[in-house]
């Protein structure tokens, strides 16, 4: 039997329940280690941690009142149980990986010629 048109449906009853995404202690230690290396070299000055439905974001800033230089995003676990990691700079996706170490390779020190 069909529902009458005046029936109010709660969308939350029909949507899947997403578990919150957060950084565990090891991930946070690696992110803060990366941050501290760039602070000591004078590149970065501030960071922020944000949580939104289905993701956790670690953003780094050169100056406090600017847009973030980089955002390191942890997505929800997939069917294999691994989270997706994305490194963004503005609207540009710099890296996407199945684990944090692979995603952070984008920040590996660049080799320079020394004369």
Protein backbone atom coordinates (compact mmCIF):
# COMPACT_ATOMS: atom_id res chain seq x y z
CA UNK A 1 0.00 0.00 0.00
CA UNK A 2 1.33 3.45 -0.95
CA UNK A 3 1.93 6.16 1.62
CA UNK A 4 -0.30 9.22 1.54
CA UNK A 5 1.33 12.31 0.03
CA UNK A 6 1.14 14.13 3.36
CA UNK A 7 3.45 11.68 5.14
CA UNK A 8 6.68 13.26 6.38
CA UNK A 9 9.75 11.11 5.89
CA UNK A 10 12.93 11.61 7.87
CA UNK A 11 15.85 11.35 5.46
CA UNK A 12 18.14 10.27 8.29
CA UNK A 13 16.13 7.04 8.51
CA UNK A 14 17.10 6.19 4.92
CA UNK A 15 20.70 7.40 4.79
CA UNK A 16 23.54 5.16 5.79
CA UNK A 17 25.16 5.93 9.09
CA UNK A 18 28.68 7.24 8.54
CA UNK A 19 31.14 6.62 11.31
CA UNK A 20 33.16 9.69 12.25
CA UNK A 21 36.62 9.96 10.69
CA UNK A 22 39.45 11.09 12.93
CA UNK A 23 43.24 10.99 13.10
CA UNK A 24 44.66 8.31 15.37
CA UNK A 25 47.65 9.04 17.58
CA UNK A 26 50.24 7.66 15.13
CA UNK A 27 48.81 9.63 12.21
CA UNK A 28 48.66 12.80 14.26
CA UNK A 29 52.28 12.31 15.38
CA UNK A 30 53.42 11.95 11.75
CA UNK A 31 51.43 15.04 10.70
CA UNK A 32 52.78 17.12 13.59
CA UNK A 33 56.32 15.89 12.88
CA UNK A 34 56.01 17.04 9.27
CA UNK A 35 54.55 20.33 10.49
CA UNK A 36 57.39 20.92 12.98
CA UNK A 37 60.07 20.31 10.32
CA UNK A 38 58.49 22.90 8.04
CA UNK A 39 58.03 25.36 10.93
CA UNK A 40 61.72 25.06 11.82
CA UNK A 41 62.65 25.84 8.21
CA UNK A 42 60.36 28.90 8.25
CA UNK A 43 57.90 27.62 5.62
CA UNK A 44 54.81 27.04 7.76
CA UNK A 45 53.47 28.97 10.73
CA UNK A 46 50.08 27.58 11.76
CA UNK A 47 47.85 24.54 11.43
CA UNK A 48 44.22 23.58 11.95
CA UNK A 49 42.38 20.30 12.40
CA UNK A 50 38.81 20.11 11.14
CA UNK A 51 36.22 17.36 11.12
CA UNK A 52 33.36 17.15 8.65
CA UNK A 53 31.00 14.27 7.88
CA UNK A 54 33.13 11.52 6.37
CA UNK A 55 36.52 13.25 6.62
CA UNK A 56 39.18 14.73 8.88
CA UNK A 57 41.39 17.56 7.59
CA UNK A 58 44.82 18.75 8.72
CA UNK A 59 45.49 22.16 7.13
CA UNK A 60 48.77 24.09 7.22
CA UNK A 61 49.21 27.83 6.78
CA UNK A 62 52.08 30.19 6.03
CA UNK A 63 50.23 33.04 7.75
CA UNK A 64 47.33 32.67 10.16
CA UNK A 65 44.86 34.79 8.21
CA UNK A 66 45.40 33.24 4.78
CA UNK A 67 43.95 30.24 3.04
CA UNK A 68 45.74 26.98 3.82
CA UNK A 69 48.83 26.14 1.78
CA UNK A 70 48.02 22.44 2.03
CA UNK A 71 45.17 20.31 3.30
CA UNK A 72 45.82 16.67 4.17
CA UNK A 73 42.46 14.89 4.10
CA UNK A 74 41.65 11.51 5.59
CA UNK A 75 38.54 9.96 4.07
CA UNK A 76 36.34 7.16 5.40
CA UNK A 77 37.57 3.57 5.21
CA UNK A 78 36.70 1.76 1.99
CA UNK A 79 35.65 -1.85 1.61
CA UNK A 80 39.25 -2.92 2.27
CA UNK A 81 39.27 -1.07 5.61
CA UNK A 82 41.87 1.48 4.49
CA UNK A 83 41.19 5.19 4.54
CA UNK A 84 41.84 7.31 1.49
CA UNK A 85 44.38 10.10 1.95
CA UNK A 86 44.39 13.18 -0.28
CA UNK A 87 46.85 16.09 -0.26
CA UNK A 88 45.44 19.31 -1.70
CA UNK A 89 46.99 22.68 -2.45
CA UNK A 90 44.11 25.05 -3.10
CA UNK A 91 41.96 23.25 -5.67
CA UNK A 92 44.85 21.14 -6.98
CA UNK A 93 45.08 17.51 -5.89
CA UNK A 94 48.77 16.80 -5.32
CA UNK A 95 48.49 13.20 -4.13
CA UNK A 96 45.98 10.48 -3.38
CA UNK A 97 47.00 7.30 -1.60
CA UNK A 98 45.77 4.39 0.47
CA UNK A 99 48.02 5.24 3.42
CA UNK A 100 49.43 8.36 5.04
CA UNK A 101 53.10 7.65 4.30
CA UNK A 102 52.45 7.42 0.55
CA UNK A 103 50.42 10.64 0.61
CA UNK A 104 53.13 12.53 2.51
CA UNK A 105 55.78 11.66 -0.10
CA UNK A 106 54.70 14.82 -1.89
CA UNK A 107 56.49 16.72 0.91
CA UNK A 108 59.76 14.78 0.56
CA UNK A 109 62.79 17.03 0.49
CA UNK A 110 63.73 18.10 -2.99
CA UNK A 111 67.37 17.52 -3.92
CA UNK A 112 69.31 20.69 -4.70
CA UNK A 113 72.59 21.14 -6.51
CA UNK A 114 75.29 22.40 -4.14
CA UNK A 115 78.34 24.08 -5.68
